[in-house]
Amino acid sequence: MNDQPPPQSTPGADLLPQNGAEEQEPEEPTPEPYIILVPEHDGIQEKRNDKAVIDYSHINDGYFMVQRLADTDHRFKVLVKVKGLTYNYNIDTGDWATFPLSEGDNAYQVQVLENVSGTKYANVISVSFQAKIDDPFAPFLRPNLHVNYLNAPNTMEKGAELTAGCEGPLSKVDTVFGFITSTINYDYLLAATVETGYLPDLDRILKRKRGICYDYSSLMTAMLRSQNVPCKLVFGYVGKIYHAWIS
């Protein structure tokens, strides 16, 4: 047993400047000018097989996630059925895709389908759940399949720059809307040749300053969501024209 007293030192000596250097106040970390609520797949509530996984651990936050595991040339779709409506999405192999619970507190059925021949699809996996969302705006704040700003830093930085002097969310909406409509030109060639499964590349759209209605809407939605302004991307028909807009 060691009975020797500990070595004596001057109280606070470890706080004194070393080598004559002046003591400096620690710098405050610079906050990010934008917000990313990153979706998570915790596996707390999930259904999986060897072809796909549906993770619905965060339905209270207004979203669920799907990962396609099967590496085939077959097309895979996600169908979301709620209130007599059916939302239809294409998914690729590998990365997790996030989907909003756009109809709020409701009973949802989620199906992953595989194209087996022609226009025929077979059910791969499905799950049903009753969603009770903590914040009704939550489904419209996170990045997802159609508004994927996780890898679009230029888009988020531009949104922060545009809204830096704004007071309140409506001012941000007005400012971003003005930028989008005055800066982005309509891409008629893309509109004539766009294929099923097309997804906006936000930073590319911002750089090219060209896009279709889907691009306009996704870019504006991303800028607003990254500024904590809830924004819903909507698809539907205006007359006979299939269109995208925001709410």
C-alpha atoms as a PDB file:
ATOM      1  CA  MET A   1       0.000   0.000   0.000  1.00  0.00           C
ATOM      2  CA  ASN A   2       1.376   3.408  -0.964  1.00  0.00           C
ATOM      3  CA  ASP A   3       1.078   5.827   1.984  1.00  0.00           C
ATOM      4  CA  GLN A   4       2.981   8.680   0.355  1.00  0.00           C
ATOM      5  CA  PRO A   5       0.999  11.914  -0.064  1.00  0.00           C
ATOM      6  CA  PRO A   6       0.352  13.081  -3.626  1.00  0.00           C
ATOM      7  CA  PRO A   7       2.830  15.619  -5.050  1.00  0.00           C
ATOM      8  CA  GLN A   8       1.980  19.211  -4.144  1.00  0.00           C
ATOM      9  CA  SER A   9       1.083  21.719  -6.871  1.00  0.00           C
ATOM     10  CA  THR A  10      -0.126  25.275  -7.047  1.00  0.00           C
ATOM     11  CA  PRO A  11      -3.933  25.401  -7.227  1.00  0.00           C
ATOM     12  CA  GLY A  12      -4.940  26.144 -10.796  1.00  0.00           C
ATOM     13  CA  ALA A  13      -1.384  25.708 -12.079  1.00  0.00           C
ATOM     14  CA  ASP A  14      -2.638  23.520 -14.909  1.00  0.00           C
ATOM     15  CA  LEU A  15      -4.691  26.502 -16.121  1.00  0.00           C
ATOM     16  CA  LEU A  16      -1.734  28.884 -16.354  1.00  0.00           C
ATOM     17  CA  PRO A  17      -0.478  29.871 -19.832  1.00  0.00           C
ATOM     18  CA  GLN A  18       2.444  27.750 -20.970  1.00  0.00           C
ATOM     19  CA  ASN A  19       5.676  29.119 -22.456  1.00  0.00           C
ATOM     20  CA  GLY A  20       4.533  32.675 -21.960  1.00  0.00           C
ATOM     21  CA  ALA A  21       1.566  32.318 -24.327  1.00  0.00           C
ATOM     22  CA  GLU A  22      -1.422  34.538 -23.632  1.00  0.00           C
ATOM     23  CA  GLU A  23      -4.546  32.805 -22.411  1.00  0.00           C
ATOM     24  CA  GLN A  24      -7.263  32.797 -25.081  1.00  0.00           C
ATOM     25  CA  GLU A  25     -10.989  32.362 -24.880  1.00  0.00           C
ATOM     26  CA  PRO A  26     -12.121  29.164 -26.637  1.00  0.00           C
ATOM     27  CA  GLU A  27     -13.765  29.895 -29.969  1.00  0.00           C
ATOM     28  CA  GLU A  28     -17.466  29.287 -30.247  1.00  0.00           C
ATOM     29  CA  PRO A  29     -18.243  26.688 -32.931  1.00  0.00           C
ATOM     30  CA  THR A  30     -19.806  28.267 -36.008  1.00  0.00           C
ATOM     31  CA  PRO A  31     -23.341  26.932 -36.418  1.00  0.00           C
ATOM     32  CA  GLU A  32     -24.339  25.464 -39.770  1.00  0.00           C
ATOM     33  CA  PRO A  33     -26.477  27.928 -41.745  1.00  0.00           C
ATOM     34  CA  TYR A  34     -28.867  25.118 -42.669  1.00  0.00           C
ATOM     35  CA  ILE A  35     -30.572  22.167 -41.008  1.00  0.00           C
ATOM     36  CA  ILE A  36     -30.616  18.514 -42.045  1.00  0.00           C
ATOM     37  CA  LEU A  37     -32.954  16.177 -40.206  1.00  0.00           C
ATOM     38  CA  VAL A  38     -31.250  12.983 -41.336  1.00  0.00           C
ATOM     39  CA  PRO A  39     -33.653  10.006 -41.641  1.00  0.00           C
ATOM     40  CA  GLU A  40     -32.672   6.947 -39.598  1.00  0.00           C
ATOM     41  CA  HIS A  41     -33.301   3.222 -40.049  1.00  0.00           C
ATOM     42  CA  ASP A  42     -32.949   1.816 -36.539  1.00  0.00           C
ATOM     43  CA  GLY A  43     -34.416  -1.633 -37.133  1.00  0.00           C
ATOM     44  CA  ILE A  44     -36.693  -1.221 -34.104  1.00  0.00           C
ATOM     45  CA  GLN A  45     -39.695  -1.877 -36.316  1.00  0.00           C
ATOM     46  CA  GLU A  46     -38.899  -3.511 -39.626  1.00  0.00           C
ATOM     47  CA  LYS A  47     -39.842  -6.263 -42.014  1.00  0.00           C
ATOM     48  CA  ARG A  48     -37.219  -7.879 -44.249  1.00  0.00           C
ATOM     49  CA  ASN A  49     -36.372 -10.756 -46.524  1.00  0.00           C
ATOM     50  CA  ASP A  50     -33.541 -11.441 -48.963  1.00  0.00           C
ATOM     51  CA  LYS A  51     -34.902  -8.922 -51.494  1.00  0.00           C
ATOM     52  CA  ALA A  52     -35.903  -5.839 -49.495  1.00  0.00           C
ATOM     53  CA  VAL A  53     -36.282  -4.218 -46.070  1.00  0.00           C
ATOM     54  CA  ILE A  54     -39.045  -1.912 -44.872  1.00  0.00           C
ATOM     55  CA  ASP A  55     -38.034   0.040 -41.757  1.00  0.00           C
ATOM     56  CA  TYR A  56     -40.932   1.835 -40.060  1.00  0.00           C
ATOM     57  CA  SER A  57     -39.206   2.688 -36.791  1.00  0.00           C
ATOM     58  CA  HIS A  58     -39.888   6.427 -37.215  1.00  0.00           C
ATOM     59  CA  ILE A  59     -43.484   6.633 -38.372  1.00  0.00           C
ATOM     60  CA  ASN A  60     -44.085   8.975 -35.411  1.00  0.00           C
ATOM     61  CA  ASP A  61     -41.623  11.348 -37.153  1.00  0.00           C
ATOM     62  CA  GLY A  62     -43.587  11.135 -40.391  1.00  0.00           C
ATOM     63  CA  TYR A  63     -41.505   8.792 -42.544  1.00  0.00           C
ATOM     64  CA  PHE A  64     -40.458   5.209 -43.265  1.00  0.00           C
ATOM     65  CA  MET A  65     -37.505   3.819 -45.223  1.00  0.00           C
ATOM     66  CA  VAL A  66     -36.974   1.045 -47.761  1.00  0.00           C
ATOM     67  CA  GLN A  67     -33.795  -0.657 -48.914  1.00  0.00           C
ATOM     68  CA  ARG A  68     -33.739  -2.859 -51.981  1.00  0.00           C
ATOM     69  CA  LEU A  69     -31.330  -5.764 -51.481  1.00  0.00           C
ATOM     70  CA  ALA A  70     -31.940  -7.744 -54.682  1.00  0.00           C
ATOM     71  CA  ASP A  71     -29.336  -6.968 -57.353  1.00  0.00           C
ATOM     72  CA  THR A  72     -31.206  -7.769 -60.555  1.00  0.00           C
ATOM     73  CA  ASP A  73     -32.183  -5.993 -63.752  1.00  0.00           C
ATOM     74  CA  HIS A  74     -35.831  -6.137 -62.701  1.00  0.00           C
ATOM     75  CA  ARG A  75     -37.561  -2.904 -61.833  1.00  0.00           C
ATOM     76  CA  PHE A  76     -38.688  -2.522 -58.220  1.00  0.00           C
ATOM     77  CA  LYS A  77     -41.509  -0.282 -57.053  1.00  0.00           C
ATOM     78  CA  VAL A  78     -42.764   0.912 -53.686  1.00  0.00           C
ATOM     79  CA  LEU A  79     -46.523   1.393 -53.377  1.00  0.00           C
ATOM     80  CA  VAL A  80     -47.966   3.373 -50.477  1.00  0.00           C
ATOM     81  CA  LYS A  81     -51.706   3.005 -50.023  1.00  0.00           C
ATOM     82  CA  VAL A  82     -53.625   5.357 -47.744  1.00  0.00           C
ATOM     83  CA  LYS A  83     -57.158   6.838 -47.744  1.00  0.00           C
ATOM     84  CA  GLY A  84     -57.933   5.252 -51.113  1.00  0.00           C
ATOM     85  CA  LEU A  85     -54.846   6.884 -52.650  1.00  0.00           C
ATOM     86  CA  THR A  86     -51.821   5.033 -54.042  1.00  0.00           C
ATOM     87  CA  TYR A  87     -48.364   6.615 -54.178  1.00  0.00           C
ATOM     88  CA  ASN A  88     -45.993   4.913 -56.621  1.00  0.00           C
ATOM     89  CA  TYR A  89     -42.171   5.101 -56.470  1.00  0.00           C
ATOM     90  CA  ASN A  90     -39.261   3.392 -58.254  1.00  0.00           C
ATOM     91  CA  ILE A  91     -36.253   2.294 -56.175  1.00  0.00           C
ATOM     92  CA  ASP A  92     -32.724   1.171 -57.026  1.00  0.00           C
ATOM     93  CA  THR A  93     -30.471  -1.357 -55.307  1.00  0.00           C
ATOM     94  CA  GLY A  94     -28.300  -0.358 -52.364  1.00  0.00           C
ATOM     95  CA  ASP A  95     -29.072   2.978 -50.752  1.00  0.00           C
ATOM     96  CA  TRP A  96     -31.921   3.479 -48.325  1.00  0.00           C
ATOM     97  CA  ALA A  97     -34.842   5.476 -49.744  1.00  0.00           C
ATOM     98  CA  THR A  98     -36.993   7.664 -47.482  1.00  0.00           C
ATOM     99  CA  PHE A  99     -40.733   8.122 -47.980  1.00  0.00           C
ATOM    100  CA  PRO A 100     -42.973  10.696 -46.258  1.00  0.00           C
ATOM    101  CA  LEU A 101     -46.273   9.814 -44.619  1.00  0.00           C
ATOM    102  CA  SER A 102     -47.939  12.583 -46.574  1.00  0.00           C
ATOM    103  CA  GLU A 103     -51.471  11.922 -45.364  1.00  0.00           C
ATOM    104  CA  GLY A 104     -50.652  12.378 -41.678  1.00  0.00           C
ATOM    105  CA  ASP A 105     -52.283  10.219 -39.007  1.00  0.00           C
ATOM    106  CA  ASN A 106     -53.740   7.311 -40.952  1.00  0.00           C
ATOM    107  CA  ALA A 107     -53.556   3.608 -41.699  1.00  0.00           C
ATOM    108  CA  TYR A 108     -50.873   2.911 -44.322  1.00  0.00           C
ATOM    109  CA  GLN A 109     -50.037  -0.155 -46.377  1.00  0.00           C
ATOM    110  CA  VAL A 110     -46.549  -0.325 -47.906  1.00  0.00           C
ATOM    111  CA  GLN A 111     -45.680  -2.826 -50.624  1.00  0.00           C
ATOM    112  CA  VAL A 112     -42.439  -3.513 -52.460  1.00  0.00           C
ATOM    113  CA  LEU A 113     -43.080  -5.012 -55.907  1.00  0.00           C
ATOM    114  CA  GLU A 114     -40.776  -6.625 -58.471  1.00  0.00           C
ATOM    115  CA  ASN A 115     -41.375  -6.481 -62.213  1.00  0.00           C
ATOM    116  CA  VAL A 116     -41.422 -10.113 -63.336  1.00  0.00           C
ATOM    117  CA  SER A 117     -42.468  -9.747 -66.995  1.00  0.00           C
ATOM    118  CA  GLY A 118     -43.955  -7.052 -69.206  1.00  0.00           C
ATOM    119  CA  THR A 119     -46.233  -4.962 -67.005  1.00  0.00           C
ATOM    120  CA  LYS A 120     -46.674  -7.699 -64.380  1.00  0.00           C
ATOM    121  CA  TYR A 121     -45.390  -7.167 -60.839  1.00  0.00           C
ATOM    122  CA  ALA A 122     -45.089  -9.612 -57.950  1.00  0.00           C
ATOM    123  CA  ASN A 123     -45.253  -8.706 -54.269  1.00  0.00           C
ATOM    124  CA  VAL A 124     -41.815  -8.889 -52.630  1.00  0.00           C
ATOM    125  CA  ILE A 125     -42.675  -7.723 -49.120  1.00  0.00           C
ATOM    126  CA  SER A 126     -45.394  -5.653 -47.481  1.00  0.00           C
ATOM    127  CA  VAL A 127     -46.349  -4.179 -44.128  1.00  0.00           C
ATOM    128  CA  SER A 128     -49.298  -2.268 -42.684  1.00  0.00           C
ATOM    129  CA  PHE A 129     -49.205   0.193 -39.800  1.00  0.00           C
ATOM    130  CA  GLN A 130     -51.234   2.928 -38.130  1.00  0.00           C
ATOM    131  CA  ALA A 131     -49.291   6.178 -38.068  1.00  0.00           C
ATOM    132  CA  LYS A 132     -49.593   8.646 -35.199  1.00  0.00           C
ATOM    133  CA  ILE A 133     -47.262  11.543 -36.069  1.00  0.00           C
ATOM    134  CA  ASP A 134     -45.932  13.764 -33.281  1.00  0.00           C
ATOM    135  CA  ASP A 135     -45.683  16.894 -35.456  1.00  0.00           C
ATOM    136  CA  PRO A 136     -48.032  17.273 -38.474  1.00  0.00           C
ATOM    137  CA  PHE A 137     -45.299  19.215 -40.312  1.00  0.00           C
ATOM    138  CA  ALA A 138     -42.654  16.503 -39.758  1.00  0.00           C
ATOM    139  CA  PRO A 139     -43.270  14.612 -43.060  1.00  0.00           C
ATOM    140  CA  PHE A 140     -42.379  17.790 -44.949  1.00  0.00           C
ATOM    141  CA  LEU A 141     -39.074  18.695 -43.306  1.00  0.00           C
ATOM    142  CA  ARG A 142     -36.755  15.779 -44.056  1.00  0.00           C
ATOM    143  CA  PRO A 143     -34.898  14.856 -47.234  1.00  0.00           C
ATOM    144  CA  ASN A 144     -36.487  11.961 -49.096  1.00  0.00           C
ATOM    145  CA  LEU A 145     -36.484  10.219 -52.470  1.00  0.00           C
ATOM    146  CA  HIS A 146     -37.953  13.207 -54.347  1.00  0.00           C
ATOM    147  CA  VAL A 147     -36.243  15.971 -52.356  1.00  0.00           C
ATOM    148  CA  ASN A 148     -32.815  14.513 -51.652  1.00  0.00           C
ATOM    149  CA  TYR A 149     -30.667  17.371 -50.405  1.00  0.00           C
ATOM    150  CA  LEU A 150     -28.385  15.179 -48.253  1.00  0.00           C
ATOM    151  CA  ASN A 151     -25.759  15.332 -51.003  1.00  0.00           C
ATOM    152  CA  ALA A 152     -26.588  18.820 -52.273  1.00  0.00           C
ATOM    153  CA  PRO A 153     -24.460  21.238 -50.199  1.00  0.00           C
ATOM    154  CA  ASN A 154     -24.629  24.012 -52.816  1.00  0.00           C
ATOM    155  CA  THR A 155     -28.415  23.940 -52.727  1.00  0.00           C
ATOM    156  CA  MET A 156     -28.483  24.192 -48.939  1.00  0.00           C
ATOM    157  CA  GLU A 157     -25.883  26.959 -48.888  1.00  0.00           C
ATOM    158  CA  LYS A 158     -27.819  28.924 -51.515  1.00  0.00           C
ATOM    159  CA  GLY A 159     -30.994  28.552 -49.467  1.00  0.00           C
ATOM    160  CA  ALA A 160     -29.155  29.858 -46.401  1.00  0.00           C
ATOM    161  CA  GLU A 161     -27.722  32.783 -48.381  1.00  0.00           C
ATOM    162  CA  LEU A 162     -31.090  33.763 -49.828  1.00  0.00           C
ATOM    163  CA  THR A 163     -32.935  33.641 -46.508  1.00  0.00           C
ATOM    164  CA  ALA A 164     -30.233  35.165 -44.286  1.00  0.00           C
ATOM    165  CA  GLY A 165     -32.102  38.457 -43.847  1.00  0.00           C
ATOM    166  CA  CYS A 166     -35.618  37.047 -43.802  1.00  0.00           C
ATOM    167  CA  GLU A 167     -37.947  37.394 -40.837  1.00  0.00           C
ATOM    168  CA  GLY A 168     -40.289  34.448 -40.501  1.00  0.00           C
ATOM    169  CA  PRO A 169     -41.099  31.493 -42.740  1.00  0.00           C
ATOM    170  CA  LEU A 170     -43.380  33.333 -45.184  1.00  0.00           C
ATOM    171  CA  SER A 171     -40.590  35.773 -45.979  1.00  0.00           C
ATOM    172  CA  LYS A 172     -38.305  32.802 -46.714  1.00  0.00           C
ATOM    173  CA  VAL A 173     -40.924  31.247 -48.984  1.00  0.00           C
ATOM    174  CA  ASP A 174     -41.348  34.497 -50.901  1.00  0.00           C
ATOM    175  CA  THR A 175     -37.585  35.011 -51.297  1.00  0.00           C
ATOM    176  CA  VAL A 176     -36.837  31.466 -52.458  1.00  0.00           C
ATOM    177  CA  PHE A 177     -39.818  31.489 -54.819  1.00  0.00           C
ATOM    178  CA  GLY A 178     -38.578  34.718 -56.379  1.00  0.00           C
ATOM    179  CA  PHE A 179     -35.099  33.250 -56.888  1.00  0.00           C
ATOM    180  CA  ILE A 180     -36.370  30.015 -58.448  1.00  0.00           C
ATOM    181  CA  THR A 181     -38.778  31.662 -60.863  1.00  0.00           C
ATOM    182  CA  SER A 182     -36.321  34.348 -61.956  1.00  0.00           C
ATOM    183  CA  THR A 183     -33.246  32.113 -62.231  1.00  0.00           C
ATOM    184  CA  ILE A 184     -34.276  28.624 -63.391  1.00  0.00           C
ATOM    185  CA  ASN A 185     -35.309  28.312 -67.035  1.00  0.00           C
ATOM    186  CA  TYR A 186     -37.652  25.638 -68.362  1.00  0.00           C
ATOM    187  CA  ASP A 187     -35.883  22.715 -70.036  1.00  0.00           C
ATOM    188  CA  TYR A 188     -38.110  21.794 -72.980  1.00  0.00           C
ATOM    189  CA  LEU A 189     -35.720  19.117 -74.227  1.00  0.00           C
ATOM    190  CA  LEU A 190     -35.753  17.307 -70.888  1.00  0.00           C
ATOM    191  CA  ALA A 191     -39.527  17.631 -70.711  1.00  0.00           C
ATOM    192  CA  ALA A 192     -39.813  15.879 -74.081  1.00  0.00           C
ATOM    193  CA  THR A 193     -37.366  13.083 -73.246  1.00  0.00           C
ATOM    194  CA  VAL A 194     -37.697  12.496 -69.474  1.00  0.00           C
ATOM    195  CA  GLU A 195     -38.045   8.810 -68.552  1.00  0.00           C
ATOM    196  CA  THR A 196     -39.910   7.009 -65.799  1.00  0.00           C
ATOM    197  CA  GLY A 197     -37.904   6.996 -62.590  1.00  0.00           C
ATOM    198  CA  TYR A 198     -36.264  10.381 -63.164  1.00  0.00           C
ATOM    199  CA  LEU A 199     -35.106  12.072 -59.952  1.00  0.00           C
ATOM    200  CA  PRO A 200     -33.800  15.655 -59.658  1.00  0.00           C
ATOM    201  CA  ASP A 201     -30.076  16.228 -59.076  1.00  0.00           C
ATOM    202  CA  LEU A 202     -30.413  19.420 -57.061  1.00  0.00           C
ATOM    203  CA  ASP A 203     -26.894  20.842 -57.268  1.00  0.00           C
ATOM    204  CA  ARG A 204     -26.776  20.100 -61.003  1.00  0.00           C
ATOM    205  CA  ILE A 205     -30.074  21.926 -61.540  1.00  0.00           C
ATOM    206  CA  LEU A 206     -28.787  24.889 -59.560  1.00  0.00           C
ATOM    207  CA  LYS A 207     -25.581  24.987 -61.623  1.00  0.00           C
ATOM    208  CA  ARG A 208     -27.281  24.560 -65.028  1.00  0.00           C
ATOM    209  CA  LYS A 209     -30.190  26.857 -64.122  1.00  0.00           C
ATOM    210  CA  ARG A 210     -32.497  24.652 -66.152  1.00  0.00           C
ATOM    211  CA  GLY A 211     -35.154  22.105 -65.265  1.00  0.00           C
ATOM    212  CA  ILE A 212     -38.720  20.890 -65.549  1.00  0.00           C
ATOM    213  CA  CYS A 213     -41.559  21.512 -63.069  1.00  0.00           C
ATOM    214  CA  TYR A 214     -40.365  18.588 -60.931  1.00  0.00           C
ATOM    215  CA  ASP A 215     -36.903  20.186 -60.721  1.00  0.00           C
ATOM    216  CA  TYR A 216     -38.272  23.643 -59.858  1.00  0.00           C
ATOM    217  CA  SER A 217     -40.430  22.177 -57.091  1.00  0.00           C
ATOM    218  CA  SER A 218     -37.792  19.846 -55.645  1.00  0.00           C
ATOM    219  CA  LEU A 219     -35.135  22.591 -55.589  1.00  0.00           C
ATOM    220  CA  MET A 220     -37.408  25.082 -53.843  1.00  0.00           C
ATOM    221  CA  THR A 221     -38.612  22.433 -51.391  1.00  0.00           C
ATOM    222  CA  ALA A 222     -35.026  21.479 -50.502  1.00  0.00           C
ATOM    223  CA  MET A 223     -34.005  25.085 -49.874  1.00  0.00           C
ATOM    224  CA  LEU A 224     -36.984  25.667 -47.603  1.00  0.00           C
ATOM    225  CA  ARG A 225     -36.765  22.391 -45.695  1.00  0.00           C
ATOM    226  CA  SER A 226     -33.088  22.980 -45.001  1.00  0.00           C
ATOM    227  CA  GLN A 227     -34.197  26.304 -43.454  1.00  0.00           C
ATOM    228  CA  ASN A 228     -36.711  24.470 -41.246  1.00  0.00           C
ATOM    229  CA  VAL A 229     -39.701  25.600 -43.316  1.00  0.00           C
ATOM    230  CA  PRO A 230     -42.076  22.671 -43.948  1.00  0.00           C
ATOM    231  CA  CYS A 231     -42.879  22.286 -47.624  1.00  0.00           C
ATOM    232  CA  LYS A 232     -44.862  19.559 -49.405  1.00  0.00           C
ATOM    233  CA  LEU A 233     -43.999  18.410 -52.927  1.00  0.00           C
ATOM    234  CA  VAL A 234     -47.188  17.498 -54.798  1.00  0.00           C
ATOM    235  CA  PHE A 235     -47.743  15.525 -58.021  1.00  0.00           C
ATOM    236  CA  GLY A 236     -50.963  15.502 -59.997  1.00  0.00           C
ATOM    237  CA  TYR A 237     -52.797  16.472 -63.153  1.00  0.00           C
ATOM    238  CA  VAL A 238     -53.525  20.026 -64.211  1.00  0.00           C
ATOM    239  CA  GLY A 239     -56.043  19.378 -66.948  1.00  0.00           C
ATOM    240  CA  LYS A 240     -54.370  16.654 -69.026  1.00  0.00           C
ATOM    241  CA  ILE A 241     -50.817  17.609 -68.034  1.00  0.00           C
ATOM    242  CA  TYR A 242     -48.996  15.707 -65.281  1.00  0.00           C
ATOM    243  CA  HIS A 243     -47.430  18.336 -63.083  1.00  0.00           C
ATOM    244  CA  ALA A 244     -45.415  18.931 -59.887  1.00  0.00           C
ATOM    245  CA  TRP A 245     -45.810  21.851 -57.512  1.00  0.00           C
ATOM    246  CA  ILE A 246     -45.377  22.716 -53.839  1.00  0.00           C
ATOM    247  CA  SER A 247     -47.746  23.325 -50.953  1.00  0.00           C
END
